Amino acid sequence: MIRIYRKWLTCLSFVFFLSFVLNAKPVHIKITVLNAKGTPQAGLKLQVPGFSDPIVSDEYGVLAFEYEYEKDKTNWATLNHSDPAEGVAKTFPLIPENFTATFYIDSQQDILTYKRENTLFPLQGELRSFSGEKIVGANVSVRGGSTVAKSDTAGVFHLSAGYNTVLMVRAENYETEILPAHRFLEYRDKPYSIYLKPFDSAKLYTNAPIMPAYPGGLAAFQKYVNAHRKNVKEKGVVVVQFIVERDGTITEAQVMRPLSKEADAEALRLIQGMEKWIPAKQGETPVRCRYSLPVHFPDTNSAKQ
């Protein structure tokens, strides 16, 4: 009985040892670090768990080393900029998909150069719903510019943009997404995945893609105020916040920056008495939007002098 027990322990110990050997094995890791223009980033320091000294990227931006990989354990490596003042450049898990990887990382000097030279970068993105469906025919544009691209049958789009530009993604039945262009530069070898939220017409916006507007603009609003404003004792400004509903009506007006009871009441009367606004829009669909406006009460006597 004792012999059987000892044999069982020996067998079990061997199984544990074999499991450890199979689970933790040395693997060769090669990471290449480039900037957004494809220039190697030398001098970056990689701190790996279990390594006392950092691994430094060579003139080709390469960090190569042997690592004891354990299948059921995830360790994280930290990549730091060559300039200590810039701090951490990237943190990533040491998992098989990163054993041979290329990371695109820019230094502060790189970014300043891109902005100064107005460098254009080819960007690619992939649009999907939260359920994983490909979003076809979406419009992707550079805000403030004329560049527009459409997502293809795979939900993928391509366009060029500067480092400091902002992209707007518009798709029917989805919320508009606003993204900085530089976020795409970390994904040069594959499309950057963007998941769009389904559109909710009842949502209350504070910053809609197309903001609401008083008919004729703010100059027309000021003309309305000047024509209908009653004199009050206090002189100054009352800021009123309100909601422009989907049909352009004004609701839930409230004073956010008071002046006096008399001036506050008059400002509310003016806001609530406005004609219907042009509502905010998400694509072509009107949406509810919160908005604020100042109502001025000037010193009419000093103005006449």
C-alpha atoms as a PDB file:
ATOM      1  CA  MET A   1       0.000   0.000   0.000  1.00  0.00           C
ATOM      2  CA  ILE A   2       2.839   2.357   0.917  1.00  0.00           C
ATOM      3  CA  ARG A   3       4.671   1.503  -2.357  1.00  0.00           C
ATOM      4  CA  ILE A   4       1.527   2.306  -4.362  1.00  0.00           C
ATOM      5  CA  TYR A   5       1.153   5.615  -2.496  1.00  0.00           C
ATOM      6  CA  ARG A   6       4.799   6.547  -3.191  1.00  0.00           C
ATOM      7  CA  LYS A   7       4.434   5.656  -6.866  1.00  0.00           C
ATOM      8  CA  TRP A   8       1.288   7.784  -7.028  1.00  0.00           C
ATOM      9  CA  LEU A   9       3.108  10.761  -5.462  1.00  0.00           C
ATOM     10  CA  THR A  10       6.041  10.339  -7.848  1.00  0.00           C
ATOM     11  CA  CYS A  11       3.698  10.210 -10.835  1.00  0.00           C
ATOM     12  CA  LEU A  12       1.761  13.244  -9.609  1.00  0.00           C
ATOM     13  CA  SER A  13       4.988  15.210  -9.056  1.00  0.00           C
ATOM     14  CA  PHE A  14       6.103  14.372 -12.574  1.00  0.00           C
ATOM     15  CA  VAL A  15       2.769  15.579 -13.968  1.00  0.00           C
ATOM     16  CA  PHE A  16       3.132  18.894 -12.119  1.00  0.00           C
ATOM     17  CA  PHE A  17       6.713  19.263 -13.328  1.00  0.00           C
ATOM     18  CA  LEU A  18       5.725  18.441 -16.900  1.00  0.00           C
ATOM     19  CA  SER A  19       2.834  20.911 -16.704  1.00  0.00           C
ATOM     20  CA  PHE A  20       5.187  23.633 -15.506  1.00  0.00           C
ATOM     21  CA  VAL A  21       7.714  22.898 -18.262  1.00  0.00           C
ATOM     22  CA  LEU A  22       5.023  22.958 -20.934  1.00  0.00           C
ATOM     23  CA  ASN A  23       3.334  26.024 -19.480  1.00  0.00           C
ATOM     24  CA  ALA A  24       6.464  28.164 -19.029  1.00  0.00           C
ATOM     25  CA  LYS A  25       8.820  28.109 -21.998  1.00  0.00           C
ATOM     26  CA  PRO A  26      11.298  30.606 -23.438  1.00  0.00           C
ATOM     27  CA  VAL A  27      10.035  32.421 -26.515  1.00  0.00           C
ATOM     28  CA  HIS A  28      11.783  34.918 -28.754  1.00  0.00           C
ATOM     29  CA  ILE A  29      10.091  38.306 -28.806  1.00  0.00           C
ATOM     30  CA  LYS A  30      10.799  40.964 -31.418  1.00  0.00           C
ATOM     31  CA  ILE A  31       9.057  44.323 -31.165  1.00  0.00           C
ATOM     32  CA  THR A  32       9.637  47.083 -33.700  1.00  0.00           C
ATOM     33  CA  VAL A  33       8.880  50.685 -32.778  1.00  0.00           C
ATOM     34  CA  LEU A  34       8.351  53.273 -35.523  1.00  0.00           C
ATOM     35  CA  ASN A  35       6.860  56.737 -35.579  1.00  0.00           C
ATOM     36  CA  ALA A  36       3.777  57.542 -37.678  1.00  0.00           C
ATOM     37  CA  LYS A  37       5.944  58.255 -40.735  1.00  0.00           C
ATOM     38  CA  GLY A  38       7.691  54.884 -40.434  1.00  0.00           C
ATOM     39  CA  THR A  39      10.980  56.176 -38.992  1.00  0.00           C
ATOM     40  CA  PRO A  40      12.607  53.783 -36.461  1.00  0.00           C
ATOM     41  CA  GLN A  41      12.446  54.972 -32.858  1.00  0.00           C
ATOM     42  CA  ALA A  42      15.799  54.293 -31.227  1.00  0.00           C
ATOM     43  CA  GLY A  43      16.538  54.617 -27.519  1.00  0.00           C
ATOM     44  CA  LEU A  44      13.108  53.636 -26.164  1.00  0.00           C
ATOM     45  CA  LYS A  45      13.316  51.584 -22.979  1.00  0.00           C
ATOM     46  CA  LEU A  46      11.232  48.476 -22.376  1.00  0.00           C
ATOM     47  CA  GLN A  47      10.753  47.303 -18.812  1.00  0.00           C
ATOM     48  CA  VAL A  48       9.832  43.600 -18.677  1.00  0.00           C
ATOM     49  CA  PRO A  49       8.692  41.795 -15.493  1.00  0.00           C
ATOM     50  CA  GLY A  50      11.566  39.693 -14.141  1.00  0.00           C
ATOM     51  CA  PHE A  51      14.237  41.751 -15.967  1.00  0.00           C
ATOM     52  CA  SER A  52      16.375  43.965 -13.750  1.00  0.00           C
ATOM     53  CA  ASP A  53      17.535  46.201 -16.608  1.00  0.00           C
ATOM     54  CA  PRO A  54      15.391  47.728 -19.368  1.00  0.00           C
ATOM     55  CA  ILE A  55      15.766  46.601 -22.979  1.00  0.00           C
ATOM     56  CA  VAL A  56      16.642  49.502 -25.302  1.00  0.00           C
ATOM     57  CA  SER A  57      15.480  49.782 -28.921  1.00  0.00           C
ATOM     58  CA  ASP A  58      18.330  49.811 -31.442  1.00  0.00           C
ATOM     59  CA  GLU A  59      18.855  52.037 -34.483  1.00  0.00           C
ATOM     60  CA  TYR A  60      16.172  50.067 -36.333  1.00  0.00           C
ATOM     61  CA  GLY A  61      13.663  50.576 -33.514  1.00  0.00           C
ATOM     62  CA  VAL A  62      13.908  46.873 -32.615  1.00  0.00           C
ATOM     63  CA  LEU A  63      13.665  45.352 -29.143  1.00  0.00           C
ATOM     64  CA  ALA A  64      14.564  41.638 -29.185  1.00  0.00           C
ATOM     65  CA  PHE A  65      14.766  39.334 -26.155  1.00  0.00           C
ATOM     66  CA  GLU A  66      13.985  35.890 -24.760  1.00  0.00           C
ATOM     67  CA  TYR A  67      11.036  35.646 -22.399  1.00  0.00           C
ATOM     68  CA  GLU A  68       9.711  32.849 -20.180  1.00  0.00           C
ATOM     69  CA  TYR A  69       6.113  32.748 -21.320  1.00  0.00           C
ATOM     70  CA  GLU A  70       3.521  31.180 -19.031  1.00  0.00           C
ATOM     71  CA  LYS A  71       0.304  30.339 -20.804  1.00  0.00           C
ATOM     72  CA  ASP A  72      -2.005  30.926 -17.848  1.00  0.00           C
ATOM     73  CA  LYS A  73      -0.325  34.098 -16.605  1.00  0.00           C
ATOM     74  CA  THR A  74      -0.310  37.533 -18.216  1.00  0.00           C
ATOM     75  CA  ASN A  75       2.518  39.955 -17.523  1.00  0.00           C
ATOM     76  CA  TRP A  76       2.557  43.543 -18.739  1.00  0.00           C
ATOM     77  CA  ALA A  77       5.535  45.340 -20.233  1.00  0.00           C
ATOM     78  CA  THR A  78       6.067  49.104 -20.110  1.00  0.00           C
ATOM     79  CA  LEU A  79       7.675  51.011 -22.963  1.00  0.00           C
ATOM     80  CA  ASN A  80       9.113  54.407 -22.064  1.00  0.00           C
ATOM     81  CA  HIS A  81      10.147  57.298 -24.313  1.00  0.00           C
ATOM     82  CA  SER A  82      13.876  57.934 -24.778  1.00  0.00           C
ATOM     83  CA  ASP A  83      13.357  61.314 -23.112  1.00  0.00           C
ATOM     84  CA  PRO A  84      12.475  60.535 -19.465  1.00  0.00           C
ATOM     85  CA  ALA A  85      10.406  63.737 -19.281  1.00  0.00           C
ATOM     86  CA  GLU A  86       7.910  62.249 -21.766  1.00  0.00           C
ATOM     87  CA  GLY A  87       7.253  59.241 -19.517  1.00  0.00           C
ATOM     88  CA  VAL A  88       5.398  56.087 -20.550  1.00  0.00           C
ATOM     89  CA  ALA A  89       4.872  55.567 -24.272  1.00  0.00           C
ATOM     90  CA  LYS A  90       2.855  52.338 -24.153  1.00  0.00           C
ATOM     91  CA  THR A  91       1.879  49.503 -21.832  1.00  0.00           C
ATOM     92  CA  PHE A  92       0.999  46.149 -23.377  1.00  0.00           C
ATOM     93  CA  PRO A  93       0.522  42.487 -22.377  1.00  0.00           C
ATOM     94  CA  LEU A  94       3.185  39.904 -23.169  1.00  0.00           C
ATOM     95  CA  ILE A  95       0.908  37.561 -25.082  1.00  0.00           C
ATOM     96  CA  PRO A  96       1.456  35.622 -28.347  1.00  0.00           C
ATOM     97  CA  GLU A  97      -0.034  38.312 -30.593  1.00  0.00           C
ATOM     98  CA  ASN A  98       2.640  40.735 -29.334  1.00  0.00           C
ATOM     99  CA  PHE A  99       5.613  38.357 -29.681  1.00  0.00           C
ATOM    100  CA  THR A 100       6.253  39.847 -33.140  1.00  0.00           C
ATOM    101  CA  ALA A 101       4.615  43.251 -33.234  1.00  0.00           C
ATOM    102  CA  THR A 102       5.085  46.730 -34.648  1.00  0.00           C
ATOM    103  CA  PHE A 103       4.057  49.702 -32.537  1.00  0.00           C
ATOM    104  CA  TYR A 104       3.684  53.232 -33.902  1.00  0.00           C
ATOM    105  CA  ILE A 105       4.721  55.751 -31.253  1.00  0.00           C
ATOM    106  CA  ASP A 106       5.491  59.444 -31.680  1.00  0.00           C
ATOM    107  CA  SER A 107       7.750  61.608 -29.562  1.00  0.00           C
ATOM    108  CA  GLN A 108       6.806  65.171 -28.716  1.00  0.00           C
ATOM    109  CA  GLN A 109       9.328  66.364 -31.322  1.00  0.00           C
ATOM    110  CA  ASP A 110       7.673  64.160 -33.958  1.00  0.00           C
ATOM    111  CA  ILE A 111       4.267  65.635 -33.168  1.00  0.00           C
ATOM    112  CA  LEU A 112       5.582  69.208 -33.334  1.00  0.00           C
ATOM    113  CA  THR A 113       7.115  68.430 -36.743  1.00  0.00           C
ATOM    114  CA  TYR A 114       3.849  66.928 -38.073  1.00  0.00           C
ATOM    115  CA  LYS A 115       1.918  70.010 -36.990  1.00  0.00           C
ATOM    116  CA  ARG A 116       4.482  72.476 -38.322  1.00  0.00           C
ATOM    117  CA  GLU A 117       4.791  70.755 -41.697  1.00  0.00           C
ATOM    118  CA  ASN A 118       1.061  69.924 -41.887  1.00  0.00           C
ATOM    119  CA  THR A 119       1.954  66.305 -42.629  1.00  0.00           C
ATOM    120  CA  LEU A 120      -0.858  64.208 -44.094  1.00  0.00           C
ATOM    121  CA  PHE A 121      -1.215  60.558 -43.076  1.00  0.00           C
ATOM    122  CA  PRO A 122      -3.182  57.763 -44.766  1.00  0.00           C
ATOM    123  CA  LEU A 123      -5.840  56.615 -42.289  1.00  0.00           C
ATOM    124  CA  GLN A 124      -8.024  53.518 -42.355  1.00  0.00           C
ATOM    125  CA  GLY A 125     -10.916  52.575 -40.133  1.00  0.00           C
ATOM    126  CA  GLU A 126     -13.492  49.837 -39.798  1.00  0.00           C
ATOM    127  CA  LEU A 127     -17.066  50.724 -38.761  1.00  0.00           C
ATOM    128  CA  ARG A 128     -19.221  48.280 -36.838  1.00  0.00           C
ATOM    129  CA  SER A 129     -22.303  48.275 -34.643  1.00  0.00           C
ATOM    130  CA  PHE A 130     -22.059  47.019 -31.070  1.00  0.00           C
ATOM    131  CA  SER A 131     -23.581  43.747 -32.272  1.00  0.00           C
ATOM    132  CA  GLY A 132     -20.683  43.367 -34.736  1.00  0.00           C
ATOM    133  CA  GLU A 133     -22.518  44.259 -37.960  1.00  0.00           C
ATOM    134  CA  LYS A 134     -20.511  46.056 -40.659  1.00  0.00           C
ATOM    135  CA  ILE A 135     -21.719  49.619 -41.282  1.00  0.00           C
ATOM    136  CA  VAL A 136     -21.779  50.295 -45.022  1.00  0.00           C
ATOM    137  CA  GLY A 137     -22.104  53.694 -46.745  1.00  0.00           C
ATOM    138  CA  ALA A 138     -21.215  55.855 -43.736  1.00  0.00           C
ATOM    139  CA  ASN A 139     -19.733  59.302 -44.399  1.00  0.00           C
ATOM    140  CA  VAL A 140     -16.353  60.043 -42.827  1.00  0.00           C
ATOM    141  CA  SER A 141     -15.129  63.614 -43.141  1.00  0.00           C
ATOM    142  CA  VAL A 142     -12.412  65.900 -41.835  1.00  0.00           C
ATOM    143  CA  ARG A 143     -14.137  68.503 -39.696  1.00  0.00           C
ATOM    144  CA  GLY A 144     -13.812  71.915 -41.274  1.00  0.00           C
ATOM    145  CA  GLY A 145     -12.619  70.472 -44.590  1.00  0.00           C
ATOM    146  CA  SER A 146     -14.020  69.060 -47.804  1.00  0.00           C
ATOM    147  CA  THR A 147     -12.449  65.603 -47.596  1.00  0.00           C
ATOM    148  CA  VAL A 148     -15.139  62.891 -47.420  1.00  0.00           C
ATOM    149  CA  ALA A 149     -14.853  59.103 -47.600  1.00  0.00           C
ATOM    150  CA  LYS A 150     -17.478  56.354 -47.504  1.00  0.00           C
ATOM    151  CA  SER A 151     -17.251  52.996 -45.781  1.00  0.00           C
ATOM    152  CA  ASP A 152     -17.264  50.102 -48.268  1.00  0.00           C
ATOM    153  CA  THR A 153     -19.064  46.751 -48.161  1.00  0.00           C
ATOM    154  CA  ALA A 154     -16.647  45.596 -45.442  1.00  0.00           C
ATOM    155  CA  GLY A 155     -17.353  48.712 -43.374  1.00  0.00           C
ATOM    156  CA  VAL A 156     -13.831  50.000 -44.113  1.00  0.00           C
ATOM    157  CA  PHE A 157     -12.901  53.539 -45.170  1.00  0.00           C
ATOM    158  CA  HIS A 158      -9.650  55.231 -46.247  1.00  0.00           C
ATOM    159  CA  LEU A 159      -8.694  58.907 -46.291  1.00  0.00           C
ATOM    160  CA  SER A 160      -5.773  61.226 -45.589  1.00  0.00           C
ATOM    161  CA  ALA A 161      -5.690  63.748 -42.748  1.00  0.00           C
ATOM    162  CA  GLY A 162      -3.284  65.826 -40.684  1.00  0.00           C
ATOM    163  CA  TYR A 163      -2.144  64.821 -37.217  1.00  0.00           C
ATOM    164  CA  ASN A 164      -4.118  67.584 -35.515  1.00  0.00           C
ATOM    165  CA  THR A 165      -7.382  67.168 -37.454  1.00  0.00           C
ATOM    166  CA  VAL A 166     -10.656  65.718 -36.229  1.00  0.00           C
ATOM    167  CA  LEU A 167     -12.785  63.177 -38.086  1.00  0.00           C
ATOM    168  CA  MET A 168     -16.581  63.024 -38.037  1.00  0.00           C
ATOM    169  CA  VAL A 169     -18.275  59.693 -38.726  1.00  0.00           C
ATOM    170  CA  ARG A 170     -21.940  59.891 -39.767  1.00  0.00           C
ATOM    171  CA  ALA A 171     -24.121  56.875 -40.479  1.00  0.00           C
ATOM    172  CA  GLU A 172     -27.879  56.576 -40.782  1.00  0.00           C
ATOM    173  CA  ASN A 173     -29.521  55.325 -37.575  1.00  0.00           C
ATOM    174  CA  TYR A 174     -26.281  55.744 -35.586  1.00  0.00           C
ATOM    175  CA  GLU A 175     -24.863  58.452 -33.339  1.00  0.00           C
ATOM    176  CA  THR A 176     -22.251  60.699 -34.948  1.00  0.00           C
ATOM    177  CA  GLU A 177     -18.754  59.833 -33.721  1.00  0.00           C
ATOM    178  CA  ILE A 178     -16.020  62.466 -33.430  1.00  0.00           C
ATOM    179  CA  LEU A 179     -12.444  61.151 -33.351  1.00  0.00           C
ATOM    180  CA  PRO A 180      -8.968  62.757 -33.356  1.00  0.00           C
ATOM    181  CA  ALA A 181      -7.004  61.686 -36.422  1.00  0.00           C
ATOM    182  CA  HIS A 182      -3.879  60.825 -34.429  1.00  0.00           C
ATOM    183  CA  ARG A 183      -5.724  57.923 -32.769  1.00  0.00           C
ATOM    184  CA  PHE A 184      -5.616  56.070 -36.111  1.00  0.00           C
ATOM    185  CA  LEU A 185      -1.843  56.317 -36.365  1.00  0.00           C
ATOM    186  CA  GLU A 186      -1.305  53.471 -33.897  1.00  0.00           C
ATOM    187  CA  TYR A 187      -3.069  51.167 -36.375  1.00  0.00           C
ATOM    188  CA  ARG A 188      -1.092  51.544 -39.584  1.00  0.00           C
ATOM    189  CA  ASP A 189      -1.089  47.849 -40.488  1.00  0.00           C
ATOM    190  CA  LYS A 190      -4.812  47.243 -40.012  1.00  0.00           C
ATOM    191  CA  PRO A 191      -8.015  49.332 -39.867  1.00  0.00           C
ATOM    192  CA  TYR A 192      -8.809  51.022 -36.570  1.00  0.00           C
ATOM    193  CA  SER A 193     -12.066  49.526 -35.246  1.00  0.00           C
ATOM    194  CA  ILE A 194     -14.831  52.040 -34.479  1.00  0.00           C
ATOM    195  CA  TYR A 195     -18.092  50.941 -32.882  1.00  0.00           C
ATOM    196  CA  LEU A 196     -21.043  53.281 -33.417  1.00  0.00           C
ATOM    197  CA  LYS A 197     -23.884  53.682 -30.932  1.00  0.00           C
ATOM    198  CA  PRO A 198     -27.445  53.252 -32.235  1.00  0.00           C
ATOM    199  CA  PHE A 199     -29.258  56.545 -32.684  1.00  0.00           C
ATOM    200  CA  ASP A 200     -31.741  57.524 -29.953  1.00  0.00           C
ATOM    201  CA  SER A 201     -34.079  60.342 -31.038  1.00  0.00           C
ATOM    202  CA  ALA A 202     -35.166  60.909 -27.422  1.00  0.00           C
ATOM    203  CA  LYS A 203     -31.615  61.573 -26.253  1.00  0.00           C
ATOM    204  CA  LEU A 204     -30.926  65.064 -24.921  1.00  0.00           C
ATOM    205  CA  TYR A 205     -27.782  66.492 -26.506  1.00  0.00           C
ATOM    206  CA  THR A 206     -25.523  69.211 -25.175  1.00  0.00           C
ATOM    207  CA  ASN A 207     -23.265  69.166 -28.222  1.00  0.00           C
ATOM    208  CA  ALA A 208     -25.209  67.899 -31.232  1.00  0.00           C
ATOM    209  CA  PRO A 209     -23.478  67.345 -34.600  1.00  0.00           C
ATOM    210  CA  ILE A 210     -25.594  70.228 -35.965  1.00  0.00           C
ATOM    211  CA  MET A 211     -26.512  72.643 -33.196  1.00  0.00           C
ATOM    212  CA  PRO A 212     -29.898  74.417 -32.985  1.00  0.00           C
ATOM    213  CA  ALA A 213     -30.209  77.964 -34.317  1.00  0.00           C
ATOM    214  CA  TYR A 214     -32.502  80.961 -33.890  1.00  0.00           C
ATOM    215  CA  PRO A 215     -34.128  81.806 -37.259  1.00  0.00           C
ATOM    216  CA  GLY A 216     -31.882  84.428 -38.806  1.00  0.00           C
ATOM    217  CA  GLY A 217     -29.016  83.746 -36.391  1.00  0.00           C
ATOM    218  CA  LEU A 218     -27.857  85.476 -33.204  1.00  0.00           C
ATOM    219  CA  ALA A 219     -28.143  88.921 -34.797  1.00  0.00           C
ATOM    220  CA  ALA A 220     -31.869  88.271 -35.341  1.00  0.00           C
ATOM    221  CA  PHE A 221     -32.164  87.029 -31.733  1.00  0.00           C
ATOM    222  CA  GLN A 222     -30.598  90.244 -30.424  1.00  0.00           C
ATOM    223  CA  LYS A 223     -32.975  92.277 -32.591  1.00  0.00           C
ATOM    224  CA  TYR A 224     -35.912  90.372 -31.043  1.00  0.00           C
ATOM    225  CA  VAL A 225     -34.590  91.057 -27.514  1.00  0.00           C
ATOM    226  CA  ASN A 226     -34.067  94.763 -28.202  1.00  0.00           C
ATOM    227  CA  ALA A 227     -37.608  95.084 -29.581  1.00  0.00           C
ATOM    228  CA  HIS A 228     -39.360  93.239 -26.719  1.00  0.00           C
ATOM    229  CA  ARG A 229     -37.157  93.817 -23.665  1.00  0.00           C
ATOM    230  CA  LYS A 230     -38.647  95.789 -20.790  1.00  0.00           C
ATOM    231  CA  ASN A 231     -36.504  98.140 -18.732  1.00  0.00           C
ATOM    232  CA  VAL A 232     -35.288  96.815 -15.387  1.00  0.00           C
ATOM    233  CA  LYS A 233     -33.391  98.579 -12.593  1.00  0.00           C
ATOM    234  CA  GLU A 234     -30.342  96.326 -12.649  1.00  0.00           C
ATOM    235  CA  LYS A 235     -27.948  96.462 -15.578  1.00  0.00           C
ATOM    236  CA  GLY A 236     -25.923  93.446 -16.670  1.00  0.00           C
ATOM    237  CA  VAL A 237     -26.368  89.968 -18.120  1.00  0.00           C
ATOM    238  CA  VAL A 238     -28.649  87.037 -17.323  1.00  0.00           C
ATOM    239  CA  VAL A 239     -27.688  83.644 -18.780  1.00  0.00           C
ATOM    240  CA  VAL A 240     -30.643  81.383 -19.511  1.00  0.00           C
ATOM    241  CA  GLN A 241     -30.440  77.697 -20.335  1.00  0.00           C
ATOM    242  CA  PHE A 242     -33.233  75.898 -22.193  1.00  0.00           C
ATOM    243  CA  ILE A 243     -34.030  72.895 -24.364  1.00  0.00           C
ATOM    244  CA  VAL A 244     -34.776  73.202 -28.050  1.00  0.00           C
ATOM    245  CA  GLU A 245     -37.165  70.339 -28.761  1.00  0.00           C
ATOM    246  CA  ARG A 246     -37.269  68.350 -32.003  1.00  0.00           C
ATOM    247  CA  ASP A 247     -40.043  70.610 -33.359  1.00  0.00           C
ATOM    248  CA  GLY A 248     -38.107  73.777 -32.444  1.00  0.00           C
ATOM    249  CA  THR A 249     -40.184  74.744 -29.378  1.00  0.00           C
ATOM    250  CA  ILE A 250     -38.453  75.992 -26.225  1.00  0.00           C
ATOM    251  CA  THR A 251     -38.914  74.110 -22.947  1.00  0.00           C
ATOM    252  CA  GLU A 252     -37.387  73.942 -19.462  1.00  0.00           C
ATOM    253  CA  ALA A 253     -35.952  77.458 -19.495  1.00  0.00           C
ATOM    254  CA  GLN A 254     -34.027  78.250 -16.318  1.00  0.00           C
ATOM    255  CA  VAL A 255     -31.667  80.980 -15.153  1.00  0.00           C
ATOM    256  CA  MET A 256     -28.094  79.773 -14.846  1.00  0.00           C
ATOM    257  CA  ARG A 257     -26.457  83.127 -14.121  1.00  0.00           C
ATOM    258  CA  PRO A 258     -28.842  85.432 -12.219  1.00  0.00           C
ATOM    259  CA  LEU A 259     -28.774  89.217 -11.981  1.00  0.00           C
ATOM    260  CA  SER A 260     -31.862  90.144  -9.927  1.00  0.00           C
ATOM    261  CA  LYS A 261     -35.407  88.814  -9.502  1.00  0.00           C
ATOM    262  CA  GLU A 262     -36.760  91.452 -11.895  1.00  0.00           C
ATOM    263  CA  ALA A 263     -34.063  90.911 -14.556  1.00  0.00           C
ATOM    264  CA  ASP A 264     -34.214  87.123 -14.203  1.00  0.00           C
ATOM    265  CA  ALA A 265     -37.985  87.103 -14.700  1.00  0.00           C
ATOM    266  CA  GLU A 266     -37.718  89.361 -17.743  1.00  0.00           C
ATOM    267  CA  ALA A 267     -34.987  87.211 -19.301  1.00  0.00           C
ATOM    268  CA  LEU A 268     -37.132  84.095 -18.845  1.00  0.00           C
ATOM    269  CA  ARG A 269     -40.128  85.873 -20.387  1.00  0.00           C
ATOM    270  CA  LEU A 270     -38.073  86.812 -23.435  1.00  0.00           C
ATOM    271  CA  ILE A 271     -36.664  83.290 -23.898  1.00  0.00           C
ATOM    272  CA  GLN A 272     -40.035  81.606 -23.444  1.00  0.00           C
ATOM    273  CA  GLY A 273     -41.645  84.047 -25.886  1.00  0.00           C
ATOM    274  CA  MET A 274     -39.265  83.326 -28.757  1.00  0.00           C
ATOM    275  CA  GLU A 275     -40.515  81.886 -32.024  1.00  0.00           C
ATOM    276  CA  LYS A 276     -39.664  78.278 -32.850  1.00  0.00           C
ATOM    277  CA  TRP A 277     -36.006  77.552 -33.413  1.00  0.00           C
ATOM    278  CA  ILE A 278     -34.356  75.490 -36.129  1.00  0.00           C
ATOM    279  CA  PRO A 279     -33.758  72.268 -34.147  1.00  0.00           C
ATOM    280  CA  ALA A 280     -30.453  70.475 -33.701  1.00  0.00           C
ATOM    281  CA  LYS A 281     -29.826  67.551 -36.018  1.00  0.00           C
ATOM    282  CA  GLN A 282     -28.177  64.160 -36.023  1.00  0.00           C
ATOM    283  CA  GLY A 283     -27.642  63.637 -39.744  1.00  0.00           C
ATOM    284  CA  GLU A 284     -31.018  64.669 -41.190  1.00  0.00           C
ATOM    285  CA  THR A 285     -32.993  63.807 -38.045  1.00  0.00           C
ATOM    286  CA  PRO A 286     -34.012  66.569 -35.577  1.00  0.00           C
ATOM    287  CA  VAL A 287     -32.907  65.929 -31.987  1.00  0.00           C
ATOM    288  CA  ARG A 288     -33.430  67.552 -28.593  1.00  0.00           C
ATOM    289  CA  CYS A 289     -30.600  69.832 -27.502  1.00  0.00           C
ATOM    290  CA  ARG A 290     -29.758  71.886 -24.432  1.00  0.00           C
ATOM    291  CA  TYR A 291     -28.644  75.435 -25.202  1.00  0.00           C
ATOM    292  CA  SER A 292     -27.668  78.606 -23.312  1.00  0.00           C
ATOM    293  CA  LEU A 293     -27.955  82.272 -24.238  1.00  0.00           C
ATOM    294  CA  PRO A 294     -27.061  85.574 -22.541  1.00  0.00           C
ATOM    295  CA  VAL A 295     -29.759  88.231 -22.256  1.00  0.00           C
ATOM    296  CA  HIS A 296     -28.251  91.714 -21.903  1.00  0.00           C
ATOM    297  CA  PHE A 297     -29.778  94.585 -19.921  1.00  0.00           C
ATOM    298  CA  PRO A 298     -27.750  97.645 -20.936  1.00  0.00           C
ATOM    299  CA  ASP A 299     -27.673 101.000 -19.227  1.00  0.00           C
ATOM    300  CA  THR A 300     -29.850 102.902 -21.680  1.00  0.00           C
ATOM    301  CA  ASN A 301     -29.099 106.287 -20.088  1.00  0.00           C
ATOM    302  CA  SER A 302     -25.325 105.962 -20.455  1.00  0.00           C
ATOM    303  CA  ALA A 303     -25.811 104.643 -23.996  1.00  0.00           C
ATOM    304  CA  LYS A 304     -27.713 107.803 -24.935  1.00  0.00           C
ATOM    305  CA  GLN A 305     -24.948 110.000 -23.487  1.00  0.00           C
END
